[in-house]
Amino acid sequence: MREILFRGKRIDNGKWVYGFYGFKPNGAGVDERFVTEVTVNTSSNSVFTYFTDVLVTHETVGQYTGLDDKNGVKIFDGDIVKATQKGQTKNGVVVYREGGYFWEFETDQYGYLGEVVKRWHPEVIGNVTDNPELMEWE
């Protein structure tokens, strides 16, 4: 079974947070987006689990694809990956389209992410939020 995990950039300090994703109305007609961070504290012979809702910027939210890059780094929607096969290197962005996750590269070319991971052994080199300059093909 695939691990369900999301990430988003915190509104208060701009750092990435990982956990469950949700949203709720704030009373002003706008949905607040949040990631619920899970912290486990095992000090003093007891186990305590803390759930903290952290407000995030909606545009930064991405879901874990269930696939890892060649270094064991989790690949999320919105990640930019570099893949090399037979001396050919391409950068691409991970996007969700109906039917699954795809790896878009250059202008209109794309491939199913699962196949890219199997054949090209990609490496996460950034994401569209922090590193838009890596998307040179656009």
C-alpha atoms as a PDB file:
ATOM      1  CA  MET A   1       0.000   0.000   0.000  1.00  0.00           C
ATOM      2  CA  ARG A   2       1.260   3.495  -0.887  1.00  0.00           C
ATOM      3  CA  GLU A   3       2.225   5.865   1.906  1.00  0.00           C
ATOM      4  CA  ILE A   4      -0.094   8.886   1.990  1.00  0.00           C
ATOM      5  CA  LEU A   5       1.993  11.981   2.718  1.00  0.00           C
ATOM      6  CA  PHE A   6       1.774  15.651   1.788  1.00  0.00           C
ATOM      7  CA  ARG A   7       4.066  18.626   2.089  1.00  0.00           C
ATOM      8  CA  GLY A   8       3.517  22.360   1.993  1.00  0.00           C
ATOM      9  CA  LYS A   9       5.349  25.584   2.854  1.00  0.00           C
ATOM     10  CA  ARG A  10       4.422  27.077   6.192  1.00  0.00           C
ATOM     11  CA  ILE A  11       2.781  30.507   6.026  1.00  0.00           C
ATOM     12  CA  ASP A  12       4.524  31.711   9.186  1.00  0.00           C
ATOM     13  CA  ASN A  13       8.160  30.955   8.302  1.00  0.00           C
ATOM     14  CA  GLY A  14       8.295  29.517   4.764  1.00  0.00           C
ATOM     15  CA  LYS A  15       9.746  26.158   5.835  1.00  0.00           C
ATOM     16  CA  TRP A  16       8.496  22.852   4.456  1.00  0.00           C
ATOM     17  CA  VAL A  17       6.222  20.750   6.658  1.00  0.00           C
ATOM     18  CA  TYR A  18       5.219  17.119   6.028  1.00  0.00           C
ATOM     19  CA  GLY A  19       2.129  15.215   7.163  1.00  0.00           C
ATOM     20  CA  PHE A  20      -1.579  14.906   6.413  1.00  0.00           C
ATOM     21  CA  TYR A  21      -3.368  17.558   4.307  1.00  0.00           C
ATOM     22  CA  GLY A  22      -6.632  19.309   5.045  1.00  0.00           C
ATOM     23  CA  PHE A  23      -8.558  22.524   4.684  1.00  0.00           C
ATOM     24  CA  LYS A  24     -11.324  24.293   6.563  1.00  0.00           C
ATOM     25  CA  PRO A  25     -13.329  27.489   6.093  1.00  0.00           C
ATOM     26  CA  ASN A  26     -12.044  30.409   8.154  1.00  0.00           C
ATOM     27  CA  GLY A  27     -15.387  32.257   8.263  1.00  0.00           C
ATOM     28  CA  ALA A  28     -14.365  34.821   5.648  1.00  0.00           C
ATOM     29  CA  GLY A  29     -15.204  32.649   2.653  1.00  0.00           C
ATOM     30  CA  VAL A  30     -11.612  31.444   2.279  1.00  0.00           C
ATOM     31  CA  ASP A  31     -10.413  27.936   2.989  1.00  0.00           C
ATOM     32  CA  GLU A  32      -7.408  27.664   5.285  1.00  0.00           C
ATOM     33  CA  ARG A  33      -5.009  25.001   4.020  1.00  0.00           C
ATOM     34  CA  PHE A  34      -2.980  23.059   6.539  1.00  0.00           C
ATOM     35  CA  VAL A  35      -0.678  20.102   6.926  1.00  0.00           C
ATOM     36  CA  THR A  36      -1.017  18.114  10.136  1.00  0.00           C
ATOM     37  CA  GLU A  37       2.434  17.398  11.462  1.00  0.00           C
ATOM     38  CA  VAL A  38       2.813  14.297  13.649  1.00  0.00           C
ATOM     39  CA  THR A  39       5.402  14.328  16.434  1.00  0.00           C
ATOM     40  CA  VAL A  40       6.116  11.353  18.681  1.00  0.00           C
ATOM     41  CA  ASN A  41       7.803  11.938  22.044  1.00  0.00           C
ATOM     42  CA  THR A  42       9.136   8.817  23.779  1.00  0.00           C
ATOM     43  CA  SER A  43      10.761  10.471  26.774  1.00  0.00           C
ATOM     44  CA  SER A  44      10.203   9.408  30.387  1.00  0.00           C
ATOM     45  CA  ASN A  45       9.033   5.835  29.692  1.00  0.00           C
ATOM     46  CA  SER A  46       5.848   7.038  27.975  1.00  0.00           C
ATOM     47  CA  VAL A  47       4.875   7.603  24.385  1.00  0.00           C
ATOM     48  CA  PHE A  48       3.015  10.781  23.475  1.00  0.00           C
ATOM     49  CA  THR A  49       1.802  11.600  19.978  1.00  0.00           C
ATOM     50  CA  TYR A  50       1.145  15.224  19.074  1.00  0.00           C
ATOM     51  CA  PHE A  51      -0.828  16.400  16.046  1.00  0.00           C
ATOM     52  CA  THR A  52      -0.264  20.007  15.029  1.00  0.00           C
ATOM     53  CA  ASP A  53      -2.153  21.747  12.220  1.00  0.00           C
ATOM     54  CA  VAL A  54       0.263  24.068  10.403  1.00  0.00           C
ATOM     55  CA  LEU A  55      -1.127  26.632   7.935  1.00  0.00           C
ATOM     56  CA  VAL A  56       0.503  26.325   4.516  1.00  0.00           C
ATOM     57  CA  THR A  57       0.422  28.217   1.230  1.00  0.00           C
ATOM     58  CA  HIS A  58      -2.021  26.352  -1.015  1.00  0.00           C
ATOM     59  CA  GLU A  59       0.120  26.625  -4.162  1.00  0.00           C
ATOM     60  CA  THR A  60       2.992  24.791  -2.476  1.00  0.00           C
ATOM     61  CA  VAL A  61       1.068  21.671  -1.440  1.00  0.00           C
ATOM     62  CA  GLY A  62       2.166  18.457  -3.125  1.00  0.00           C
ATOM     63  CA  GLN A  63       1.470  14.780  -2.514  1.00  0.00           C
ATOM     64  CA  TYR A  64       4.072  12.038  -2.256  1.00  0.00           C
ATOM     65  CA  THR A  65       3.933   9.939  -5.427  1.00  0.00           C
ATOM     66  CA  GLY A  66       4.833   6.703  -3.685  1.00  0.00           C
ATOM     67  CA  LEU A  67       8.122   6.637  -5.611  1.00  0.00           C
ATOM     68  CA  ASP A  68      11.658   7.494  -4.520  1.00  0.00           C
ATOM     69  CA  ASP A  69      14.549   8.815  -6.576  1.00  0.00           C
ATOM     70  CA  LYS A  70      17.849   6.986  -7.062  1.00  0.00           C
ATOM     71  CA  ASN A  71      19.102   8.360  -3.709  1.00  0.00           C
ATOM     72  CA  GLY A  72      16.035   7.252  -1.738  1.00  0.00           C
ATOM     73  CA  VAL A  73      14.514  10.780  -1.654  1.00  0.00           C
ATOM     74  CA  LYS A  74      10.711  10.809  -1.769  1.00  0.00           C
ATOM     75  CA  ILE A  75       9.341  12.263  -5.018  1.00  0.00           C
ATOM     76  CA  PHE A  76       6.463  14.743  -4.568  1.00  0.00           C
ATOM     77  CA  ASP A  77       4.111  16.443  -6.975  1.00  0.00           C
ATOM     78  CA  GLY A  78       5.929  19.645  -7.973  1.00  0.00           C
ATOM     79  CA  ASP A  79       9.431  18.214  -7.692  1.00  0.00           C
ATOM     80  CA  ILE A  80      11.949  18.835 -10.439  1.00  0.00           C
ATOM     81  CA  VAL A  81      13.916  15.746 -11.320  1.00  0.00           C
ATOM     82  CA  LYS A  82      16.989  15.172 -13.442  1.00  0.00           C
ATOM     83  CA  ALA A  83      17.196  11.898 -15.309  1.00  0.00           C
ATOM     84  CA  THR A  84      20.052  10.480 -17.350  1.00  0.00           C
ATOM     85  CA  GLN A  85      19.943   7.498 -19.665  1.00  0.00           C
ATOM     86  CA  LYS A  86      22.540   6.502 -22.256  1.00  0.00           C
ATOM     87  CA  GLY A  87      24.323   9.848 -21.938  1.00  0.00           C
ATOM     88  CA  GLN A  88      21.148  11.879 -22.409  1.00  0.00           C
ATOM     89  CA  THR A  89      20.070  14.130 -19.500  1.00  0.00           C
ATOM     90  CA  LYS A  90      16.667  15.763 -19.104  1.00  0.00           C
ATOM     91  CA  ASN A  91      15.094  17.849 -16.364  1.00  0.00           C
ATOM     92  CA  GLY A  92      11.384  17.415 -15.758  1.00  0.00           C
ATOM     93  CA  VAL A  93       8.671  18.391 -13.320  1.00  0.00           C
ATOM     94  CA  VAL A  94       6.406  15.880 -11.577  1.00  0.00           C
ATOM     95  CA  VAL A  95       2.713  16.619 -12.136  1.00  0.00           C
ATOM     96  CA  TYR A  96      -0.528  14.796 -11.456  1.00  0.00           C
ATOM     97  CA  ARG A  97      -2.856  14.202 -14.367  1.00  0.00           C
ATOM     98  CA  GLU A  98      -5.877  11.982 -14.473  1.00  0.00           C
ATOM     99  CA  GLY A  99      -4.558   8.461 -14.429  1.00  0.00           C
ATOM    100  CA  GLY A 100      -1.443   9.057 -12.368  1.00  0.00           C
ATOM    101  CA  TYR A 101       1.767  10.991 -11.916  1.00  0.00           C
ATOM    102  CA  PHE A 102       3.700  12.109 -14.946  1.00  0.00           C
ATOM    103  CA  TRP A 103       7.098  13.581 -15.607  1.00  0.00           C
ATOM    104  CA  GLU A 104       6.825  16.575 -17.937  1.00  0.00           C
ATOM    105  CA  PHE A 105       9.915  17.797 -19.681  1.00  0.00           C
ATOM    106  CA  GLU A 106      10.747  20.246 -22.400  1.00  0.00           C
ATOM    107  CA  THR A 107       7.585  21.777 -23.846  1.00  0.00           C
ATOM    108  CA  ASP A 108       4.900  19.178 -24.429  1.00  0.00           C
ATOM    109  CA  GLN A 109       6.585  15.852 -23.861  1.00  0.00           C
ATOM    110  CA  TYR A 110       5.824  13.696 -20.856  1.00  0.00           C
ATOM    111  CA  GLY A 111       6.165  10.190 -19.565  1.00  0.00           C
ATOM    112  CA  TYR A 112       4.522   8.104 -16.871  1.00  0.00           C
ATOM    113  CA  LEU A 113       6.577   8.688 -13.711  1.00  0.00           C
ATOM    114  CA  GLY A 114       6.719   4.998 -12.766  1.00  0.00           C
ATOM    115  CA  GLU A 115       8.392   4.182 -16.081  1.00  0.00           C
ATOM    116  CA  VAL A 116      10.802   7.115 -15.742  1.00  0.00           C
ATOM    117  CA  VAL A 117      11.873   5.870 -12.299  1.00  0.00           C
ATOM    118  CA  LYS A 118      12.422   2.332 -13.622  1.00  0.00           C
ATOM    119  CA  ARG A 119      14.307   3.273 -16.773  1.00  0.00           C
ATOM    120  CA  TRP A 120      15.961   6.638 -16.109  1.00  0.00           C
ATOM    121  CA  HIS A 121      16.678   6.493 -12.345  1.00  0.00           C
ATOM    122  CA  PRO A 122      15.902  10.179 -11.717  1.00  0.00           C
ATOM    123  CA  GLU A 123      17.282  12.419  -8.980  1.00  0.00           C
ATOM    124  CA  VAL A 124      15.264  15.150  -7.241  1.00  0.00           C
ATOM    125  CA  ILE A 125      17.165  18.410  -7.835  1.00  0.00           C
ATOM    126  CA  GLY A 126      14.584  20.906  -6.570  1.00  0.00           C
ATOM    127  CA  ASN A 127      10.941  21.873  -6.792  1.00  0.00           C
ATOM    128  CA  VAL A 128       8.806  24.400  -8.656  1.00  0.00           C
ATOM    129  CA  THR A 129       8.362  26.575  -5.565  1.00  0.00           C
ATOM    130  CA  ASP A 130      11.998  26.987  -4.522  1.00  0.00           C
ATOM    131  CA  ASN A 131      13.780  26.444  -7.853  1.00  0.00           C
ATOM    132  CA  PRO A 132      11.678  27.668 -10.818  1.00  0.00           C
ATOM    133  CA  GLU A 133      14.907  28.500 -12.674  1.00  0.00           C
ATOM    134  CA  LEU A 134      15.495  24.755 -13.110  1.00  0.00           C
ATOM    135  CA  MET A 135      12.524  24.626 -15.450  1.00  0.00           C
ATOM    136  CA  GLU A 136      14.533  26.052 -18.347  1.00  0.00           C
ATOM    137  CA  TRP A 137      12.407  24.331 -20.974  1.00  0.00           C
ATOM    138  CA  GLU A 138       9.394  26.594 -20.265  1.00  0.00           C
END
